[in-house]
Amino acid sequence: MVIVEYLGFGNGVGYKIGMYYNLYRMDMVLAWVGLFAIVMMVVEYVGFKTLENRALSWRPEVGLASQEVINQ
């Protein structure tokens, strides 16, 4: 996503990361990368996980057979 923004748009997270990288401002690069990572984790675990659980709620839960052997 960041690469697409960096190459395709004149603003956004990817653009900011590239701009600060070219200005040798690694503190700002890390800040923007960290912010982007946090936002993407929230989107993944709150948004997509909720949709996945709702869409696949009809499936039975499956465990690993190897866990049963370890627990015995």
PDB file of N, CA and C in Angstrom:
ATOM      1  N   MET A   1       0.823  -1.187   0.000  1.00  0.00           N
ATOM      2  CA  MET A   1       0.000   0.000   0.000  1.00  0.00           C
ATOM      3  C   MET A   1       0.872   1.258   0.000  1.00  0.00           C
ATOM      4  N   VAL A   2       1.890   1.272   0.833  1.00  0.00           N
ATOM      5  CA  VAL A   2       2.763   2.443   0.902  1.00  0.00           C
ATOM      6  C   VAL A   2       3.478   2.645  -0.421  1.00  0.00           C
ATOM      7  N   ILE A   3       3.912   1.565  -1.054  1.00  0.00           N
ATOM      8  CA  ILE A   3       4.624   1.669  -2.330  1.00  0.00           C
ATOM      9  C   ILE A   3       3.712   2.252  -3.399  1.00  0.00           C
ATOM     10  N   VAL A   4       2.468   1.812  -3.427  1.00  0.00           N
ATOM     11  CA  VAL A   4       1.521   2.340  -4.405  1.00  0.00           C
ATOM     12  C   VAL A   4       1.295   3.823  -4.163  1.00  0.00           C
ATOM     13  N   GLU A   5       1.129   4.216  -2.922  1.00  0.00           N
ATOM     14  CA  GLU A   5       0.957   5.637  -2.606  1.00  0.00           C
ATOM     15  C   GLU A   5       2.194   6.432  -2.996  1.00  0.00           C
ATOM     16  N   TYR A   6       3.341   5.878  -2.714  1.00  0.00           N
ATOM     17  CA  TYR A   6       4.592   6.578  -3.014  1.00  0.00           C
ATOM     18  C   TYR A   6       4.744   6.806  -4.514  1.00  0.00           C
ATOM     19  N   LEU A   7       4.392   5.805  -5.294  1.00  0.00           N
ATOM     20  CA  LEU A   7       4.567   5.915  -6.744  1.00  0.00           C
ATOM     21  C   LEU A   7       3.419   6.644  -7.431  1.00  0.00           C
ATOM     22  N   GLY A   8       2.210   6.556  -6.868  1.00  0.00           N
ATOM     23  CA  GLY A   8       1.058   7.042  -7.591  1.00  0.00           C
ATOM     24  C   GLY A   8       0.470   8.366  -7.146  1.00  0.00           C
ATOM     25  N   PHE A   9       0.693   8.785  -5.937  1.00  0.00           N
ATOM     26  CA  PHE A   9       0.022   9.970  -5.423  1.00  0.00           C
ATOM     27  C   PHE A   9       1.026  11.023  -4.974  1.00  0.00           C
ATOM     28  N   GLY A  10       0.588  12.260  -4.977  1.00  0.00           N
ATOM     29  CA  GLY A  10       1.432  13.360  -4.545  1.00  0.00           C
ATOM     30  C   GLY A  10       1.228  13.720  -3.085  1.00  0.00           C
ATOM     31  N   ASN A  11       0.450  12.926  -2.369  1.00  0.00           N
ATOM     32  CA  ASN A  11       0.267  13.119  -0.928  1.00  0.00           C
ATOM     33  C   ASN A  11      -0.092  11.765  -0.313  1.00  0.00           C
ATOM     34  N   GLY A  12      -0.138  11.692   0.968  1.00  0.00           N
ATOM     35  CA  GLY A  12      -0.455  10.450   1.643  1.00  0.00           C
ATOM     36  C   GLY A  12       0.738   9.929   2.430  1.00  0.00           C
ATOM     37  N   VAL A  13       0.548   8.780   3.039  1.00  0.00           N
ATOM     38  CA  VAL A  13       1.577   8.203   3.903  1.00  0.00           C
ATOM     39  C   VAL A  13       2.823   7.845   3.110  1.00  0.00           C
ATOM     40  N   GLY A  14       2.652   7.181   1.977  1.00  0.00           N
ATOM     41  CA  GLY A  14       3.804   6.792   1.166  1.00  0.00           C
ATOM     42  C   GLY A  14       4.591   7.990   0.677  1.00  0.00           C
ATOM     43  N   TYR A  15       3.888   9.021   0.296  1.00  0.00           N
ATOM     44  CA  TYR A  15       4.551  10.240  -0.147  1.00  0.00           C
ATOM     45  C   TYR A  15       5.334  10.884   0.994  1.00  0.00           C
ATOM     46  N   LYS A  16       4.728  10.944   2.166  1.00  0.00           N
ATOM     47  CA  LYS A  16       5.407  11.542   3.329  1.00  0.00           C
ATOM     48  C   LYS A  16       6.659  10.750   3.697  1.00  0.00           C
ATOM     49  N   ILE A  17       6.560   9.420   3.672  1.00  0.00           N
ATOM     50  CA  ILE A  17       7.723   8.594   3.993  1.00  0.00           C
ATOM     51  C   ILE A  17       8.838   8.854   2.989  1.00  0.00           C
ATOM     52  N   GLY A  18       8.509   8.885   1.710  1.00  0.00           N
ATOM     53  CA  GLY A  18       9.517   9.158   0.683  1.00  0.00           C
ATOM     54  C   GLY A  18      10.108  10.546   0.794  1.00  0.00           C
ATOM     55  N   MET A  19       9.276  11.530   1.100  1.00  0.00           N
ATOM     56  CA  MET A  19       9.752  12.905   1.230  1.00  0.00           C
ATOM     57  C   MET A  19      10.734  13.025   2.399  1.00  0.00           C
ATOM     58  N   TYR A  20      10.359  12.477   3.552  1.00  0.00           N
ATOM     59  CA  TYR A  20      11.249  12.575   4.710  1.00  0.00           C
ATOM     60  C   TYR A  20      12.500  11.726   4.533  1.00  0.00           C
ATOM     61  N   TYR A  21      12.391  10.621   3.807  1.00  0.00           N
ATOM     62  CA  TYR A  21      13.572   9.806   3.510  1.00  0.00           C
ATOM     63  C   TYR A  21      14.564  10.600   2.667  1.00  0.00           C
ATOM     64  N   ASN A  22      14.056  11.298   1.669  1.00  0.00           N
ATOM     65  CA  ASN A  22      14.924  12.111   0.812  1.00  0.00           C
ATOM     66  C   ASN A  22      15.524  13.302   1.554  1.00  0.00           C
ATOM     67  N   LEU A  23      14.870  13.759   2.612  1.00  0.00           N
ATOM     68  CA  LEU A  23      15.384  14.851   3.431  1.00  0.00           C
ATOM     69  C   LEU A  23      16.280  14.357   4.572  1.00  0.00           C
ATOM     70  N   TYR A  24      16.545  13.042   4.611  1.00  0.00           N
ATOM     71  CA  TYR A  24      17.371  12.410   5.660  1.00  0.00           C
ATOM     72  C   TYR A  24      16.789  12.629   7.051  1.00  0.00           C
ATOM     73  N   ARG A  25      15.479  12.597   7.172  1.00  0.00           N
ATOM     74  CA  ARG A  25      14.807  12.749   8.461  1.00  0.00           C
ATOM     75  C   ARG A  25      14.295  11.372   8.893  1.00  0.00           C
ATOM     76  N   MET A  26      15.205  10.524   9.366  1.00  0.00           N
ATOM     77  CA  MET A  26      14.842   9.158   9.715  1.00  0.00           C
ATOM     78  C   MET A  26      13.874   9.105  10.893  1.00  0.00           C
ATOM     79  N   ASP A  27      13.914  10.114  11.764  1.00  0.00           N
ATOM     80  CA  ASP A  27      12.957  10.142  12.864  1.00  0.00           C
ATOM     81  C   ASP A  27      11.530  10.255  12.330  1.00  0.00           C
ATOM     82  N   MET A  28      11.329  11.079  11.314  1.00  0.00           N
ATOM     83  CA  MET A  28      10.003  11.231  10.728  1.00  0.00           C
ATOM     84  C   MET A  28       9.618  10.007   9.894  1.00  0.00           C
ATOM     85  N   VAL A  29      10.594   9.399   9.226  1.00  0.00           N
ATOM     86  CA  VAL A  29      10.316   8.176   8.462  1.00  0.00           C
ATOM     87  C   VAL A  29       9.809   7.097   9.413  1.00  0.00           C
ATOM     88  N   LEU A  30      10.502   6.907  10.519  1.00  0.00           N
ATOM     89  CA  LEU A  30      10.085   5.892  11.483  1.00  0.00           C
ATOM     90  C   LEU A  30       8.741   6.231  12.106  1.00  0.00           C
ATOM     91  N   ALA A  31       8.490   7.509  12.335  1.00  0.00           N
ATOM     92  CA  ALA A  31       7.207   7.918  12.900  1.00  0.00           C
ATOM     93  C   ALA A  31       6.060   7.596  11.942  1.00  0.00           C
ATOM     94  N   TRP A  32       6.228   7.915  10.659  1.00  0.00           N
ATOM     95  CA  TRP A  32       5.176   7.633   9.686  1.00  0.00           C
ATOM     96  C   TRP A  32       4.999   6.138   9.459  1.00  0.00           C
ATOM     97  N   VAL A  33       6.111   5.393   9.427  1.00  0.00           N
ATOM     98  CA  VAL A  33       6.015   3.934   9.259  1.00  0.00           C
ATOM     99  C   VAL A  33       5.316   3.316  10.467  1.00  0.00           C
ATOM    100  N   GLY A  34       5.663   3.777  11.662  1.00  0.00           N
ATOM    101  CA  GLY A  34       5.014   3.267  12.869  1.00  0.00           C
ATOM    102  C   GLY A  34       3.530   3.576  12.890  1.00  0.00           C
ATOM    103  N   LEU A  35       3.175   4.802  12.530  1.00  0.00           N
ATOM    104  CA  LEU A  35       1.767   5.179  12.476  1.00  0.00           C
ATOM    105  C   LEU A  35       1.016   4.337  11.459  1.00  0.00           C
ATOM    106  N   PHE A  36       1.616   4.150  10.293  1.00  0.00           N
ATOM    107  CA  PHE A  36       0.977   3.335   9.262  1.00  0.00           C
ATOM    108  C   PHE A  36       0.807   1.889   9.722  1.00  0.00           C
ATOM    109  N   ALA A  37       1.816   1.335  10.393  1.00  0.00           N
ATOM    110  CA  ALA A  37       1.734  -0.047  10.874  1.00  0.00           C
ATOM    111  C   ALA A  37       0.628  -0.192  11.917  1.00  0.00           C
ATOM    112  N   ILE A  38       0.514   0.772  12.815  1.00  0.00           N
ATOM    113  CA  ILE A  38      -0.526   0.712  13.846  1.00  0.00           C
ATOM    114  C   ILE A  38      -1.909   0.793  13.209  1.00  0.00           C
ATOM    115  N   VAL A  39      -2.081   1.716  12.283  1.00  0.00           N
ATOM    116  CA  VAL A  39      -3.382   1.853  11.615  1.00  0.00           C
ATOM    117  C   VAL A  39      -3.728   0.574  10.860  1.00  0.00           C
ATOM    118  N   MET A  40      -2.768  -0.009  10.163  1.00  0.00           N
ATOM    119  CA  MET A  40      -3.045  -1.228   9.408  1.00  0.00           C
ATOM    120  C   MET A  40      -3.348  -2.420  10.317  1.00  0.00           C
ATOM    121  N   MET A  41      -2.703  -2.488  11.484  1.00  0.00           N
ATOM    122  CA  MET A  41      -3.026  -3.558  12.433  1.00  0.00           C
ATOM    123  C   MET A  41      -4.440  -3.400  12.976  1.00  0.00           C
ATOM    124  N   VAL A  42      -4.836  -2.172  13.260  1.00  0.00           N
ATOM    125  CA  VAL A  42      -6.202  -1.931  13.737  1.00  0.00           C
ATOM    126  C   VAL A  42      -7.208  -2.317  12.660  1.00  0.00           C
ATOM    127  N   VAL A  43      -6.946  -1.915  11.429  1.00  0.00           N
ATOM    128  CA  VAL A  43      -7.846  -2.267  10.323  1.00  0.00           C
ATOM    129  C   VAL A  43      -7.921  -3.780  10.173  1.00  0.00           C
ATOM    130  N   GLU A  44      -6.780  -4.451  10.258  1.00  0.00           N
ATOM    131  CA  GLU A  44      -6.743  -5.907  10.090  1.00  0.00           C
ATOM    132  C   GLU A  44      -7.490  -6.628  11.204  1.00  0.00           C
ATOM    133  N   TYR A  45      -7.152  -6.324  12.445  1.00  0.00           N
ATOM    134  CA  TYR A  45      -7.687  -7.103  13.556  1.00  0.00           C
ATOM    135  C   TYR A  45      -9.071  -6.668  13.995  1.00  0.00           C
ATOM    136  N   VAL A  46      -9.435  -5.416  13.786  1.00  0.00           N
ATOM    137  CA  VAL A  46     -10.774  -4.974  14.170  1.00  0.00           C
ATOM    138  C   VAL A  46     -11.733  -5.101  12.993  1.00  0.00           C
ATOM    139  N   GLY A  47     -11.319  -4.584  11.852  1.00  0.00           N
ATOM    140  CA  GLY A  47     -12.209  -4.585  10.695  1.00  0.00           C
ATOM    141  C   GLY A  47     -12.308  -5.917   9.982  1.00  0.00           C
ATOM    142  N   PHE A  48     -11.180  -6.379   9.451  1.00  0.00           N
ATOM    143  CA  PHE A  48     -11.206  -7.594   8.647  1.00  0.00           C
ATOM    144  C   PHE A  48     -11.487  -8.847   9.469  1.00  0.00           C
ATOM    145  N   LYS A  49     -10.976  -8.913  10.689  1.00  0.00           N
ATOM    146  CA  LYS A  49     -11.223 -10.093  11.523  1.00  0.00           C
ATOM    147  C   LYS A  49     -12.703 -10.204  11.857  1.00  0.00           C
ATOM    148  N   THR A  50     -13.355  -9.062  12.132  1.00  0.00           N
ATOM    149  CA  THR A  50     -14.781  -9.063  12.414  1.00  0.00           C
ATOM    150  C   THR A  50     -15.565  -9.537  11.194  1.00  0.00           C
ATOM    151  N   LEU A  51     -15.220  -9.019  10.026  1.00  0.00           N
ATOM    152  CA  LEU A  51     -15.894  -9.459   8.805  1.00  0.00           C
ATOM    153  C   LEU A  51     -15.654 -10.936   8.520  1.00  0.00           C
ATOM    154  N   GLU A  52     -14.427 -11.386   8.744  1.00  0.00           N
ATOM    155  CA  GLU A  52     -14.106 -12.799   8.522  1.00  0.00           C
ATOM    156  C   GLU A  52     -14.902 -13.695   9.462  1.00  0.00           C
ATOM    157  N   ASN A  53     -14.947 -13.338  10.728  1.00  0.00           N
ATOM    158  CA  ASN A  53     -15.695 -14.144  11.695  1.00  0.00           C
ATOM    159  C   ASN A  53     -17.183 -14.174  11.361  1.00  0.00           C
ATOM    160  N   ARG A  54     -17.717 -13.052  10.928  1.00  0.00           N
ATOM    161  CA  ARG A  54     -19.135 -12.994  10.582  1.00  0.00           C
ATOM    162  C   ARG A  54     -19.426 -13.788   9.309  1.00  0.00           C
ATOM    163  N   ALA A  55     -18.543 -13.675   8.325  1.00  0.00           N
ATOM    164  CA  ALA A  55     -18.764 -14.372   7.054  1.00  0.00           C
ATOM    165  C   ALA A  55     -18.561 -15.877   7.174  1.00  0.00           C
ATOM    166  N   LEU A  56     -17.678 -16.302   8.061  1.00  0.00           N
ATOM    167  CA  LEU A  56     -17.362 -17.729   8.186  1.00  0.00           C
ATOM    168  C   LEU A  56     -17.931 -18.350   9.458  1.00  0.00           C
ATOM    169  N   SER A  57     -18.950 -17.734  10.025  1.00  0.00           N
ATOM    170  CA  SER A  57     -19.506 -18.240  11.283  1.00  0.00           C
ATOM    171  C   SER A  57     -20.184 -19.597  11.114  1.00  0.00           C
ATOM    172  N   TRP A  58     -20.553 -19.963   9.906  1.00  0.00           N
ATOM    173  CA  TRP A  58     -21.213 -21.235   9.658  1.00  0.00           C
ATOM    174  C   TRP A  58     -20.257 -22.418   9.739  1.00  0.00           C
ATOM    175  N   ARG A  59     -18.951 -22.162   9.614  1.00  0.00           N
ATOM    176  CA  ARG A  59     -17.980 -23.250   9.629  1.00  0.00           C
ATOM    177  C   ARG A  59     -17.724 -23.720  11.047  1.00  0.00           C
ATOM    178  N   PRO A  60     -17.601 -25.025  11.247  1.00  0.00           N
ATOM    179  CA  PRO A  60     -17.251 -25.514  12.588  1.00  0.00           C
ATOM    180  C   PRO A  60     -15.792 -25.194  12.915  1.00  0.00           C
ATOM    181  N   GLU A  61     -15.515 -25.025  14.186  1.00  0.00           N
ATOM    182  CA  GLU A  61     -14.144 -24.746  14.591  1.00  0.00           C
ATOM    183  C   GLU A  61     -13.326 -26.025  14.521  1.00  0.00           C
ATOM    184  N   VAL A  62     -12.104 -25.924  14.021  1.00  0.00           N
ATOM    185  CA  VAL A  62     -11.241 -27.078  13.810  1.00  0.00           C
ATOM    186  C   VAL A  62      -9.980 -26.882  14.630  1.00  0.00           C
ATOM    187  N   GLY A  63      -9.565 -27.926  15.327  1.00  0.00           N
ATOM    188  CA  GLY A  63      -8.326 -27.884  16.084  1.00  0.00           C
ATOM    189  C   GLY A  63      -7.263 -28.711  15.400  1.00  0.00           C
ATOM    190  N   LEU A  64      -6.063 -28.610  15.886  1.00  0.00           N
ATOM    191  CA  LEU A  64      -4.961 -29.392  15.329  1.00  0.00           C
ATOM    192  C   LEU A  64      -4.877 -30.735  16.028  1.00  0.00           C
ATOM    193  N   ALA A  65      -4.666 -31.785  15.261  1.00  0.00           N
ATOM    194  CA  ALA A  65      -4.547 -33.114  15.828  1.00  0.00           C
ATOM    195  C   ALA A  65      -3.279 -33.234  16.665  1.00  0.00           C
ATOM    196  N   SER A  66      -2.240 -32.507  16.295  1.00  0.00           N
ATOM    197  CA  SER A  66      -0.994 -32.598  17.019  1.00  0.00           C
ATOM    198  C   SER A  66      -1.104 -32.003  18.420  1.00  0.00           C
ATOM    199  N   GLN A  67      -2.018 -31.068  18.637  1.00  0.00           N
ATOM    200  CA  GLN A  67      -2.213 -30.498  19.968  1.00  0.00           C
ATOM    201  C   GLN A  67      -2.785 -31.532  20.919  1.00  0.00           C
ATOM    202  N   GLU A  68      -3.649 -32.411  20.413  1.00  0.00           N
ATOM    203  CA  GLU A  68      -4.216 -33.450  21.259  1.00  0.00           C
ATOM    204  C   GLU A  68      -3.128 -34.411  21.721  1.00  0.00           C
ATOM    205  N   VAL A  69      -2.177 -34.730  20.863  1.00  0.00           N
ATOM    206  CA  VAL A  69      -1.093 -35.641  21.211  1.00  0.00           C
ATOM    207  C   VAL A  69      -0.192 -34.977  22.261  1.00  0.00           C
ATOM    208  N   ILE A  70       0.085 -33.696  22.119  1.00  0.00           N
ATOM    209  CA  ILE A  70       0.944 -32.986  23.058  1.00  0.00           C
ATOM    210  C   ILE A  70       0.282 -32.886  24.427  1.00  0.00           C
ATOM    211  N   ASN A  71      -1.024 -32.648  24.474  1.00  0.00           N
ATOM    212  CA  ASN A  71      -1.732 -32.474  25.733  1.00  0.00           C
ATOM    213  C   ASN A  71      -1.882 -33.793  26.500  1.00  0.00           C
ATOM    214  N   GLN A  72      -1.749 -34.939  25.848  1.00  0.00           N
ATOM    215  CA  GLN A  72      -1.907 -36.214  26.535  1.00  0.00           C
ATOM    216  C   GLN A  72      -0.689 -36.579  27.245  1.00  0.00           C
TER     217      GLN A  72
END
